Each structure stands twice: as structure tokens, then as C-alpha cells.
Amino acid sequence: MKNALVSTLILAGLPILLPAFAQAQDAEALFKSKSCVACHKIDSKLVGPSYKDVAAKYAGQDGAVEILAGKIKNGVMGDWGPIPMPPNAVTEEQARILAEWVLQQK
């Protein structure tokens, strides 16, 4: 009986967890499909900072998603050194998805 209850609770939670898992996979696929991979890695510096460093810098900051999405879409210069990040060919929605994903890297 106890095992049946646990199984039922696990199965009931899957519809909640699966969309979040799918969104994370979609965001990572989006990252890999754009020019981001030329300059960024998740856990180590390449040309630009690692995404873990970016997430740490913006942790707990109000409006971090919007700020980062704007930088992804429009480019930025001077935040991480002298090498500028050029504007990226992404939609507003894609920039937001990428920003949310980057900020989840810990």
C-alpha cells in the first residue's frame, strides 16, 4: 500500500517536472544552435566568461533576466573585459530563454 502511494505521488508530479526538464533541454539546444558556443562555455572561461560566472554575478539581482536578455540580444562591451560581445541574432523570446538558462547554471 505504501509503495502504491509513493508511486502515485511520483507519477502525479511528472507532469509538473517534465515541462521544466524539456525547457532546460530546449534552452541548451538553443545555446548550442547560436553563436554563443564560439565564445562561452558553461563552466570555464573561453573568450567570454563561463555561464557559471555570469550566473554568480547576477545571483539575487532584481531584473537579472531582463538585463541579461538585453545584453544577449543587443551585445555589450566592458562588462567582462575589453573584448565586446556582439549583438546576437535572437528574438526577444530566445534572448529571455537563454538568459533564464544561463542564470540557472551553478
PDB file of N, CA and C in Angstrom:
ATOM      1  N   MET A   1       0.822  -1.195   0.000  1.00  0.00           N
ATOM      2  CA  MET A   1       0.000   0.000   0.000  1.00  0.00           C
ATOM      3  C   MET A   1       0.863   1.253   0.000  1.00  0.00           C
ATOM      4  N   LYS A   2       1.914   1.215   0.845  1.00  0.00           N
ATOM      5  CA  LYS A   2       2.812   2.365   0.941  1.00  0.00           C
ATOM      6  C   LYS A   2       3.529   2.599  -0.393  1.00  0.00           C
ATOM      7  N   ASN A   3       3.976   1.530  -1.033  1.00  0.00           N
ATOM      8  CA  ASN A   3       4.655   1.644  -2.327  1.00  0.00           C
ATOM      9  C   ASN A   3       3.721   2.196  -3.400  1.00  0.00           C
ATOM     10  N   ALA A   4       2.464   1.808  -3.340  1.00  0.00           N
ATOM     11  CA  ALA A   4       1.488   2.307  -4.305  1.00  0.00           C
ATOM     12  C   ALA A   4       1.270   3.802  -4.124  1.00  0.00           C
ATOM     13  N   LEU A   5       1.245   4.255  -2.897  1.00  0.00           N
ATOM     14  CA  LEU A   5       1.069   5.683  -2.614  1.00  0.00           C
ATOM     15  C   LEU A   5       2.270   6.479  -3.121  1.00  0.00           C
ATOM     16  N   VAL A   6       3.461   5.985  -2.859  1.00  0.00           N
ATOM     17  CA  VAL A   6       4.678   6.658  -3.322  1.00  0.00           C
ATOM     18  C   VAL A   6       4.704   6.704  -4.850  1.00  0.00           C
ATOM     19  N   SER A   7       4.387   5.605  -5.482  1.00  0.00           N
ATOM     20  CA  SER A   7       4.351   5.564  -6.953  1.00  0.00           C
ATOM     21  C   SER A   7       3.337   6.550  -7.511  1.00  0.00           C
ATOM     22  N   THR A   8       2.183   6.621  -6.881  1.00  0.00           N
ATOM     23  CA  THR A   8       1.140   7.547  -7.326  1.00  0.00           C
ATOM     24  C   THR A   8       1.614   8.987  -7.195  1.00  0.00           C
ATOM     25  N   LEU A   9       2.263   9.316  -6.084  1.00  0.00           N
ATOM     26  CA  LEU A   9       2.764  10.677  -5.888  1.00  0.00           C
ATOM     27  C   LEU A   9       3.844  11.027  -6.910  1.00  0.00           C
ATOM     28  N   ILE A  10       4.715  10.079  -7.194  1.00  0.00           N
ATOM     29  CA  ILE A  10       5.768  10.313  -8.191  1.00  0.00           C
ATOM     30  C   ILE A  10       5.144  10.542  -9.562  1.00  0.00           C
ATOM     31  N   LEU A  11       4.224   9.697  -9.948  1.00  0.00           N
ATOM     32  CA  LEU A  11       3.577   9.844 -11.251  1.00  0.00           C
ATOM     33  C   LEU A  11       2.776  11.139 -11.336  1.00  0.00           C
ATOM     34  N   ALA A  12       2.172  11.540 -10.230  1.00  0.00           N
ATOM     35  CA  ALA A  12       1.400  12.786 -10.221  1.00  0.00           C
ATOM     36  C   ALA A  12       2.313  13.995 -10.409  1.00  0.00           C
ATOM     37  N   GLY A  13       3.556  13.898  -9.954  1.00  0.00           N
ATOM     38  CA  GLY A  13       4.492  15.007 -10.080  1.00  0.00           C
ATOM     39  C   GLY A  13       5.171  15.105 -11.424  1.00  0.00           C
ATOM     40  N   LEU A  14       5.172  14.045 -12.203  1.00  0.00           N
ATOM     41  CA  LEU A  14       5.840  14.057 -13.503  1.00  0.00           C
ATOM     42  C   LEU A  14       5.342  15.140 -14.454  1.00  0.00           C
ATOM     43  N   PRO A  15       4.038  15.360 -14.565  1.00  0.00           N
ATOM     44  CA  PRO A  15       3.586  16.425 -15.462  1.00  0.00           C
ATOM     45  C   PRO A  15       4.112  17.807 -15.074  1.00  0.00           C
ATOM     46  N   ILE A  16       4.410  17.993 -13.814  1.00  0.00           N
ATOM     47  CA  ILE A  16       4.958  19.265 -13.356  1.00  0.00           C
ATOM     48  C   ILE A  16       6.441  19.357 -13.690  1.00  0.00           C
ATOM     49  N   LEU A  17       7.173  18.269 -13.519  1.00  0.00           N
ATOM     50  CA  LEU A  17       8.618  18.261 -13.716  1.00  0.00           C
ATOM     51  C   LEU A  17       9.029  18.173 -15.184  1.00  0.00           C
ATOM     52  N   LEU A  18       8.288  17.456 -15.989  1.00  0.00           N
ATOM     53  CA  LEU A  18       8.679  17.250 -17.382  1.00  0.00           C
ATOM     54  C   LEU A  18       8.750  18.538 -18.194  1.00  0.00           C
ATOM     55  N   PRO A  19       7.809  19.471 -18.085  1.00  0.00           N
ATOM     56  CA  PRO A  19       7.943  20.713 -18.850  1.00  0.00           C
ATOM     57  C   PRO A  19       9.201  21.496 -18.480  1.00  0.00           C
ATOM     58  N   ALA A  20       9.555  21.534 -17.205  1.00  0.00           N
ATOM     59  CA  ALA A  20      10.766  22.245 -16.789  1.00  0.00           C
ATOM     60  C   ALA A  20      11.999  21.564 -17.365  1.00  0.00           C
ATOM     61  N   PHE A  21      12.021  20.236 -17.357  1.00  0.00           N
ATOM     62  CA  PHE A  21      13.133  19.491 -17.929  1.00  0.00           C
ATOM     63  C   PHE A  21      13.221  19.733 -19.432  1.00  0.00           C
ATOM     64  N   ALA A  22      12.081  19.735 -20.108  1.00  0.00           N
ATOM     65  CA  ALA A  22      12.056  19.974 -21.557  1.00  0.00           C
ATOM     66  C   ALA A  22      12.518  21.390 -21.871  1.00  0.00           C
ATOM     67  N   GLN A  23      12.110  22.368 -21.061  1.00  0.00           N
ATOM     68  CA  GLN A  23      12.542  23.748 -21.291  1.00  0.00           C
ATOM     69  C   GLN A  23      14.043  23.880 -21.131  1.00  0.00           C
ATOM     70  N   ALA A  24      14.617  23.208 -20.139  1.00  0.00           N
ATOM     71  CA  ALA A  24      16.065  23.253 -19.943  1.00  0.00           C
ATOM     72  C   ALA A  24      16.778  22.646 -21.141  1.00  0.00           C
ATOM     73  N   GLN A  25      16.264  21.548 -21.657  1.00  0.00           N
ATOM     74  CA  GLN A  25      16.861  20.931 -22.843  1.00  0.00           C
ATOM     75  C   GLN A  25      16.721  21.845 -24.049  1.00  0.00           C
ATOM     76  N   ASP A  26      15.559  22.479 -24.204  1.00  0.00           N
ATOM     77  CA  ASP A  26      15.344  23.401 -25.317  1.00  0.00           C
ATOM     78  C   ASP A  26      16.297  24.582 -25.229  1.00  0.00           C
ATOM     79  N   ALA A  27      16.510  25.117 -24.029  1.00  0.00           N
ATOM     80  CA  ALA A  27      17.406  26.252 -23.843  1.00  0.00           C
ATOM     81  C   ALA A  27      18.838  25.856 -24.169  1.00  0.00           C
ATOM     82  N   GLU A  28      19.254  24.679 -23.734  1.00  0.00           N
ATOM     83  CA  GLU A  28      20.608  24.229 -24.044  1.00  0.00           C
ATOM     84  C   GLU A  28      20.767  23.998 -25.541  1.00  0.00           C
ATOM     85  N   ALA A  29      19.757  23.453 -26.181  1.00  0.00           N
ATOM     86  CA  ALA A  29      19.802  23.268 -27.635  1.00  0.00           C
ATOM     87  C   ALA A  29      19.867  24.616 -28.337  1.00  0.00           C
ATOM     88  N   LEU A  30      19.137  25.602 -27.834  1.00  0.00           N
ATOM     89  CA  LEU A  30      19.176  26.949 -28.404  1.00  0.00           C
ATOM     90  C   LEU A  30      20.577  27.530 -28.257  1.00  0.00           C
ATOM     91  N   PHE A  31      21.180  27.382 -27.074  1.00  0.00           N
ATOM     92  CA  PHE A  31      22.552  27.829 -26.833  1.00  0.00           C
ATOM     93  C   PHE A  31      23.503  27.205 -27.855  1.00  0.00           C
ATOM     94  N   LYS A  32      23.372  25.915 -28.071  1.00  0.00           N
ATOM     95  CA  LYS A  32      24.262  25.207 -28.984  1.00  0.00           C
ATOM     96  C   LYS A  32      24.009  25.569 -30.445  1.00  0.00           C
ATOM     97  N   SER A  33      22.808  26.052 -30.760  1.00  0.00           N
ATOM     98  CA  SER A  33      22.481  26.384 -32.147  1.00  0.00           C
ATOM     99  C   SER A  33      22.880  27.811 -32.526  1.00  0.00           C
ATOM    100  N   LYS A  34      23.209  28.618 -31.559  1.00  0.00           N
ATOM    101  CA  LYS A  34      23.572  30.014 -31.804  1.00  0.00           C
ATOM    102  C   LYS A  34      25.079  30.178 -31.708  1.00  0.00           C
ATOM    103  N   SER A  35      25.552  31.368 -31.980  1.00  0.00           N
ATOM    104  CA  SER A  35      26.995  31.628 -31.961  1.00  0.00           C
ATOM    105  C   SER A  35      27.565  31.702 -30.546  1.00  0.00           C
ATOM    106  N   CYS A  36      26.735  31.565 -29.537  1.00  0.00           N
ATOM    107  CA  CYS A  36      27.185  31.622 -28.134  1.00  0.00           C
ATOM    108  C   CYS A  36      28.353  30.668 -27.874  1.00  0.00           C
ATOM    109  N   VAL A  37      28.275  29.486 -28.470  1.00  0.00           N
ATOM    110  CA  VAL A  37      29.272  28.446 -28.210  1.00  0.00           C
ATOM    111  C   VAL A  37      30.663  28.822 -28.710  1.00  0.00           C
ATOM    112  N   ALA A  38      30.759  29.801 -29.579  1.00  0.00           N
ATOM    113  CA  ALA A  38      32.073  30.222 -30.077  1.00  0.00           C
ATOM    114  C   ALA A  38      32.885  30.911 -28.985  1.00  0.00           C
ATOM    115  N   CYS A  39      32.201  31.530 -28.031  1.00  0.00           N
ATOM    116  CA  CYS A  39      32.903  32.329 -27.020  1.00  0.00           C
ATOM    117  C   CYS A  39      32.633  31.912 -25.578  1.00  0.00           C
ATOM    118  N   HIS A  40      31.610  31.101 -25.340  1.00  0.00           N
ATOM    119  CA  HIS A  40      31.233  30.756 -23.969  1.00  0.00           C
ATOM    120  C   HIS A  40      31.166  29.255 -23.755  1.00  0.00           C
ATOM    121  N   LYS A  41      31.539  28.859 -22.546  1.00  0.00           N
ATOM    122  CA  LYS A  41      31.339  27.507 -22.055  1.00  0.00           C
ATOM    123  C   LYS A  41      30.554  27.610 -20.757  1.00  0.00           C
ATOM    124  N   ILE A  42      29.980  26.519 -20.353  1.00  0.00           N
ATOM    125  CA  ILE A  42      29.171  26.533 -19.139  1.00  0.00           C
ATOM    126  C   ILE A  42      30.037  26.726 -17.897  1.00  0.00           C
ATOM    127  N   ASP A  43      31.137  25.991 -17.804  1.00  0.00           N
ATOM    128  CA  ASP A  43      31.886  26.022 -16.548  1.00  0.00           C
ATOM    129  C   ASP A  43      33.336  26.480 -16.647  1.00  0.00           C
ATOM    130  N   SER A  44      33.738  27.033 -17.776  1.00  0.00           N
ATOM    131  CA  SER A  44      35.098  27.585 -17.864  1.00  0.00           C
ATOM    132  C   SER A  44      35.124  28.744 -18.860  1.00  0.00           C
ATOM    133  N   LYS A  45      36.045  29.662 -18.610  1.00  0.00           N
ATOM    134  CA  LYS A  45      36.183  30.841 -19.465  1.00  0.00           C
ATOM    135  C   LYS A  45      36.733  30.413 -20.817  1.00  0.00           C
ATOM    136  N   LEU A  46      36.212  30.998 -21.861  1.00  0.00           N
ATOM    137  CA  LEU A  46      36.738  30.796 -23.206  1.00  0.00           C
ATOM    138  C   LEU A  46      37.158  32.183 -23.667  1.00  0.00           C
ATOM    139  N   VAL A  47      36.468  32.786 -24.588  1.00  0.00           N
ATOM    140  CA  VAL A  47      36.693  34.187 -24.937  1.00  0.00           C
ATOM    141  C   VAL A  47      35.933  35.052 -23.940  1.00  0.00           C
ATOM    142  N   GLY A  48      34.694  34.654 -23.689  1.00  0.00           N
ATOM    143  CA  GLY A  48      33.861  35.336 -22.706  1.00  0.00           C
ATOM    144  C   GLY A  48      33.813  34.530 -21.426  1.00  0.00           C
ATOM    145  N   PRO A  49      33.124  35.046 -20.427  1.00  0.00           N
ATOM    146  CA  PRO A  49      33.048  34.352 -19.140  1.00  0.00           C
ATOM    147  C   PRO A  49      32.244  33.061 -19.220  1.00  0.00           C
ATOM    148  N   SER A  50      32.498  32.192 -18.253  1.00  0.00           N
ATOM    149  CA  SER A  50      31.679  30.977 -18.177  1.00  0.00           C
ATOM    150  C   SER A  50      30.274  31.372 -17.745  1.00  0.00           C
ATOM    151  N   TYR A  51      29.314  30.542 -18.092  1.00  0.00           N
ATOM    152  CA  TYR A  51      27.944  30.830 -17.690  1.00  0.00           C
ATOM    153  C   TYR A  51      27.765  30.683 -16.179  1.00  0.00           C
ATOM    154  N   LYS A  52      28.574  29.857 -15.549  1.00  0.00           N
ATOM    155  CA  LYS A  52      28.514  29.764 -14.090  1.00  0.00           C
ATOM    156  C   LYS A  52      28.972  31.078 -13.464  1.00  0.00           C
ATOM    157  N   ASP A  53      29.990  31.721 -14.041  1.00  0.00           N
ATOM    158  CA  ASP A  53      30.439  33.025 -13.540  1.00  0.00           C
ATOM    159  C   ASP A  53      29.373  34.094 -13.768  1.00  0.00           C
ATOM    160  N   VAL A  54      28.720  34.050 -14.914  1.00  0.00           N
ATOM    161  CA  VAL A  54      27.651  35.017 -15.200  1.00  0.00           C
ATOM    162  C   VAL A  54      26.511  34.830 -14.201  1.00  0.00           C
ATOM    163  N   ALA A  55      26.132  33.579 -13.969  1.00  0.00           N
ATOM    164  CA  ALA A  55      25.047  33.299 -13.018  1.00  0.00           C
ATOM    165  C   ALA A  55      25.406  33.791 -11.620  1.00  0.00           C
ATOM    166  N   ALA A  56      26.658  33.599 -11.226  1.00  0.00           N
ATOM    167  CA  ALA A  56      27.097  34.054  -9.901  1.00  0.00           C
ATOM    168  C   ALA A  56      27.061  35.576  -9.805  1.00  0.00           C
ATOM    169  N   LYS A  57      27.456  36.257 -10.873  1.00  0.00           N
ATOM    170  CA  LYS A  57      27.472  37.726 -10.867  1.00  0.00           C
ATOM    171  C   LYS A  57      26.061  38.304 -10.710  1.00  0.00           C
ATOM    172  N   TYR A  58      25.088  37.681 -11.332  1.00  0.00           N
ATOM    173  CA  TYR A  58      23.722  38.200 -11.319  1.00  0.00           C
ATOM    174  C   TYR A  58      22.824  37.556 -10.267  1.00  0.00           C
ATOM    175  N   ALA A  59      23.363  36.633  -9.485  1.00  0.00           N
ATOM    176  CA  ALA A  59      22.557  35.918  -8.487  1.00  0.00           C
ATOM    177  C   ALA A  59      21.877  36.905  -7.542  1.00  0.00           C
ATOM    178  N   GLY A  60      20.570  36.756  -7.410  1.00  0.00           N
ATOM    179  CA  GLY A  60      19.802  37.574  -6.496  1.00  0.00           C
ATOM    180  C   GLY A  60      19.540  39.000  -6.944  1.00  0.00           C
ATOM    181  N   GLN A  61      19.993  39.358  -8.132  1.00  0.00           N
ATOM    182  CA  GLN A  61      19.806  40.724  -8.623  1.00  0.00           C
ATOM    183  C   GLN A  61      18.419  40.882  -9.233  1.00  0.00           C
ATOM    184  N   ASP A  62      17.703  41.906  -8.820  1.00  0.00           N
ATOM    185  CA  ASP A  62      16.389  42.183  -9.387  1.00  0.00           C
ATOM    186  C   ASP A  62      16.508  42.487 -10.875  1.00  0.00           C
ATOM    187  N   GLY A  63      15.637  41.889 -11.669  1.00  0.00           N
ATOM    188  CA  GLY A  63      15.624  42.139 -13.103  1.00  0.00           C
ATOM    189  C   GLY A  63      16.769  41.509 -13.867  1.00  0.00           C
ATOM    190  N   ALA A  64      17.434  40.524 -13.265  1.00  0.00           N
ATOM    191  CA  ALA A  64      18.598  39.911 -13.899  1.00  0.00           C
ATOM    192  C   ALA A  64      18.260  39.293 -15.255  1.00  0.00           C
ATOM    193  N   VAL A  65      17.115  38.654 -15.368  1.00  0.00           N
ATOM    194  CA  VAL A  65      16.733  38.022 -16.636  1.00  0.00           C
ATOM    195  C   VAL A  65      16.618  39.072 -17.728  1.00  0.00           C
ATOM    196  N   GLU A  66      15.941  40.160 -17.435  1.00  0.00           N
ATOM    197  CA  GLU A  66      15.749  41.216 -18.438  1.00  0.00           C
ATOM    198  C   GLU A  66      17.070  41.878 -18.805  1.00  0.00           C
ATOM    199  N   ILE A  67      17.913  42.133 -17.808  1.00  0.00           N
ATOM    200  CA  ILE A  67      19.215  42.752 -18.071  1.00  0.00           C
ATOM    201  C   ILE A  67      20.050  41.855 -18.971  1.00  0.00           C
ATOM    202  N   LEU A  68      20.150  40.596 -18.598  1.00  0.00           N
ATOM    203  CA  LEU A  68      20.973  39.660 -19.364  1.00  0.00           C
ATOM    204  C   LEU A  68      20.389  39.419 -20.753  1.00  0.00           C
ATOM    205  N   ALA A  69      19.073  39.301 -20.856  1.00  0.00           N
ATOM    206  CA  ALA A  69      18.443  39.113 -22.169  1.00  0.00           C
ATOM    207  C   ALA A  69      18.768  40.291 -23.084  1.00  0.00           C
ATOM    208  N   GLY A  70      18.742  41.511 -22.548  1.00  0.00           N
ATOM    209  CA  GLY A  70      19.092  42.694 -23.341  1.00  0.00           C
ATOM    210  C   GLY A  70      20.522  42.647 -23.821  1.00  0.00           C
ATOM    211  N   LYS A  71      21.426  42.185 -22.962  1.00  0.00           N
ATOM    212  CA  LYS A  71      22.837  42.079 -23.346  1.00  0.00           C
ATOM    213  C   LYS A  71      23.038  40.992 -24.398  1.00  0.00           C
ATOM    214  N   ILE A  72      22.308  39.909 -24.268  1.00  0.00           N
ATOM    215  CA  ILE A  72      22.402  38.828 -25.256  1.00  0.00           C
ATOM    216  C   ILE A  72      21.930  39.332 -26.617  1.00  0.00           C
ATOM    217  N   LYS A  73      20.815  40.003 -26.639  1.00  0.00           N
ATOM    218  CA  LYS A  73      20.234  40.471 -27.904  1.00  0.00           C
ATOM    219  C   LYS A  73      21.012  41.635 -28.509  1.00  0.00           C
ATOM    220  N   ASN A  74      21.396  42.603 -27.691  1.00  0.00           N
ATOM    221  CA  ASN A  74      21.986  43.844 -28.206  1.00  0.00           C
ATOM    222  C   ASN A  74      23.501  43.911 -28.137  1.00  0.00           C
ATOM    223  N   GLY A  75      24.113  42.961 -27.435  1.00  0.00           N
ATOM    224  CA  GLY A  75      25.560  42.994 -27.263  1.00  0.00           C
ATOM    225  C   GLY A  75      25.933  43.874 -26.084  1.00  0.00           C
ATOM    226  N   VAL A  76      27.191  43.807 -25.694  1.00  0.00           N
ATOM    227  CA  VAL A  76      27.676  44.579 -24.549  1.00  0.00           C
ATOM    228  C   VAL A  76      29.188  44.710 -24.654  1.00  0.00           C
ATOM    229  N   MET A  77      29.715  45.774 -24.079  1.00  0.00           N
ATOM    230  CA  MET A  77      31.163  45.982 -24.102  1.00  0.00           C
ATOM    231  C   MET A  77      31.624  46.441 -22.722  1.00  0.00           C
ATOM    232  N   GLY A  78      32.682  45.836 -22.230  1.00  0.00           N
ATOM    233  CA  GLY A  78      33.300  46.284 -20.996  1.00  0.00           C
ATOM    234  C   GLY A  78      32.847  45.605 -19.725  1.00  0.00           C
ATOM    235  N   ASP A  79      31.828  44.778 -19.763  1.00  0.00           N
ATOM    236  CA  ASP A  79      31.354  44.126 -18.540  1.00  0.00           C
ATOM    237  C   ASP A  79      32.327  43.062 -18.029  1.00  0.00           C
ATOM    238  N   TRP A  80      32.994  42.382 -18.939  1.00  0.00           N
ATOM    239  CA  TRP A  80      33.888  41.283 -18.564  1.00  0.00           C
ATOM    240  C   TRP A  80      35.285  41.474 -19.126  1.00  0.00           C
ATOM    241  N   GLY A  81      35.638  42.680 -19.464  1.00  0.00           N
ATOM    242  CA  GLY A  81      36.960  42.942 -20.013  1.00  0.00           C
ATOM    243  C   GLY A  81      36.841  43.675 -21.341  1.00  0.00           C
ATOM    244  N   PRO A  82      37.948  43.795 -22.049  1.00  0.00           N
ATOM    245  CA  PRO A  82      37.967  44.624 -23.252  1.00  0.00           C
ATOM    246  C   PRO A  82      37.323  44.012 -24.493  1.00  0.00           C
ATOM    247  N   ILE A  83      37.075  42.720 -24.493  1.00  0.00           N
ATOM    248  CA  ILE A  83      36.514  42.080 -25.683  1.00  0.00           C
ATOM    249  C   ILE A  83      34.996  42.240 -25.670  1.00  0.00           C
ATOM    250  N   PRO A  84      34.441  42.904 -26.675  1.00  0.00           N
ATOM    251  CA  PRO A  84      32.983  43.108 -26.688  1.00  0.00           C
ATOM    252  C   PRO A  84      32.230  41.841 -27.083  1.00  0.00           C
ATOM    253  N   MET A  85      31.012  41.728 -26.598  1.00  0.00           N
ATOM    254  CA  MET A  85      30.119  40.677 -27.064  1.00  0.00           C
ATOM    255  C   MET A  85      29.211  41.322 -28.100  1.00  0.00           C
ATOM    256  N   PRO A  86      29.248  40.858 -29.328  1.00  0.00           N
ATOM    257  CA  PRO A  86      28.412  41.472 -30.366  1.00  0.00           C
ATOM    258  C   PRO A  86      26.942  41.132 -30.171  1.00  0.00           C
ATOM    259  N   PRO A  87      26.064  41.902 -30.804  1.00  0.00           N
ATOM    260  CA  PRO A  87      24.638  41.558 -30.771  1.00  0.00           C
ATOM    261  C   PRO A  87      24.422  40.170 -31.370  1.00  0.00           C
ATOM    262  N   ASN A  88      23.441  39.479 -30.865  1.00  0.00           N
ATOM    263  CA  ASN A  88      23.138  38.134 -31.362  1.00  0.00           C
ATOM    264  C   ASN A  88      21.827  38.128 -32.134  1.00  0.00           C
ATOM    265  N   ALA A  89      21.784  37.297 -33.145  1.00  0.00           N
ATOM    266  CA  ALA A  89      20.583  37.168 -33.979  1.00  0.00           C
ATOM    267  C   ALA A  89      19.578  36.265 -33.275  1.00  0.00           C
ATOM    268  N   VAL A  90      18.943  36.820 -32.241  1.00  0.00           N
ATOM    269  CA  VAL A  90      17.931  36.094 -31.487  1.00  0.00           C
ATOM    270  C   VAL A  90      16.708  36.989 -31.329  1.00  0.00           C
ATOM    271  N   THR A  91      15.570  36.362 -31.150  1.00  0.00           N
ATOM    272  CA  THR A  91      14.355  37.115 -30.870  1.00  0.00           C
ATOM    273  C   THR A  91      14.367  37.511 -29.390  1.00  0.00           C
ATOM    274  N   GLU A  92      13.434  38.372 -29.007  1.00  0.00           N
ATOM    275  CA  GLU A  92      13.294  38.743 -27.593  1.00  0.00           C
ATOM    276  C   GLU A  92      13.031  37.491 -26.753  1.00  0.00           C
ATOM    277  N   GLU A  93      12.161  36.620 -27.257  1.00  0.00           N
ATOM    278  CA  GLU A  93      11.829  35.393 -26.528  1.00  0.00           C
ATOM    279  C   GLU A  93      13.041  34.476 -26.394  1.00  0.00           C
ATOM    280  N   GLN A  94      13.809  34.313 -27.462  1.00  0.00           N
ATOM    281  CA  GLN A  94      15.002  33.481 -27.396  1.00  0.00           C
ATOM    282  C   GLN A  94      16.021  34.062 -26.423  1.00  0.00           C
ATOM    283  N   ALA A  95      16.184  35.381 -26.442  1.00  0.00           N
ATOM    284  CA  ALA A  95      17.119  36.029 -25.519  1.00  0.00           C
ATOM    285  C   ALA A  95      16.695  35.777 -24.075  1.00  0.00           C
ATOM    286  N   ARG A  96      15.405  35.838 -23.810  1.00  0.00           N
ATOM    287  CA  ARG A  96      14.899  35.593 -22.457  1.00  0.00           C
ATOM    288  C   ARG A  96      15.115  34.129 -22.056  1.00  0.00           C
ATOM    289  N   ILE A  97      14.847  33.201 -22.966  1.00  0.00           N
ATOM    290  CA  ILE A  97      15.061  31.777 -22.686  1.00  0.00           C
ATOM    291  C   ILE A  97      16.533  31.530 -22.368  1.00  0.00           C
ATOM    292  N   LEU A  98      17.415  32.094 -23.171  1.00  0.00           N
ATOM    293  CA  LEU A  98      18.850  31.934 -22.944  1.00  0.00           C
ATOM    294  C   LEU A  98      19.265  32.553 -21.611  1.00  0.00           C
ATOM    295  N   ALA A  99      18.766  33.744 -21.320  1.00  0.00           N
ATOM    296  CA  ALA A  99      19.114  34.414 -20.064  1.00  0.00           C
ATOM    297  C   ALA A  99      18.665  33.586 -18.860  1.00  0.00           C
ATOM    298  N   GLU A 100      17.448  33.076 -18.905  1.00  0.00           N
ATOM    299  CA  GLU A 100      16.949  32.251 -17.804  1.00  0.00           C
ATOM    300  C   GLU A 100      17.807  31.010 -17.628  1.00  0.00           C
ATOM    301  N   TRP A 101      18.193  30.410 -18.742  1.00  0.00           N
ATOM    302  CA  TRP A 101      19.015  29.199 -18.696  1.00  0.00           C
ATOM    303  C   TRP A 101      20.399  29.506 -18.147  1.00  0.00           C
ATOM    304  N   VAL A 102      21.014  30.586 -18.612  1.00  0.00           N
ATOM    305  CA  VAL A 102      22.335  30.967 -18.128  1.00  0.00           C
ATOM    306  C   VAL A 102      22.293  31.194 -16.618  1.00  0.00           C
ATOM    307  N   LEU A 103      21.272  31.882 -16.148  1.00  0.00           N
ATOM    308  CA  LEU A 103      21.171  32.199 -14.728  1.00  0.00           C
ATOM    309  C   LEU A 103      20.926  30.953 -13.867  1.00  0.00           C
ATOM    310  N   GLN A 104      20.544  29.840 -14.466  1.00  0.00           N
ATOM    311  CA  GLN A 104      20.337  28.594 -13.715  1.00  0.00           C
ATOM    312  C   GLN A 104      21.633  27.789 -13.577  1.00  0.00           C
ATOM    313  N   GLN A 105      22.675  28.198 -14.276  1.00  0.00           N
ATOM    314  CA  GLN A 105      23.942  27.461 -14.218  1.00  0.00           C
ATOM    315  C   GLN A 105      24.618  27.781 -12.892  1.00  0.00           C
ATOM    316  N   LYS A 106      24.883  26.784 -12.134  1.00  0.00           N
ATOM    317  CA  LYS A 106      25.504  26.986 -10.802  1.00  0.00           C
ATOM    318  C   LYS A 106      26.761  26.168 -10.674  1.00  0.00           C
TER     319      LYS A 106
END
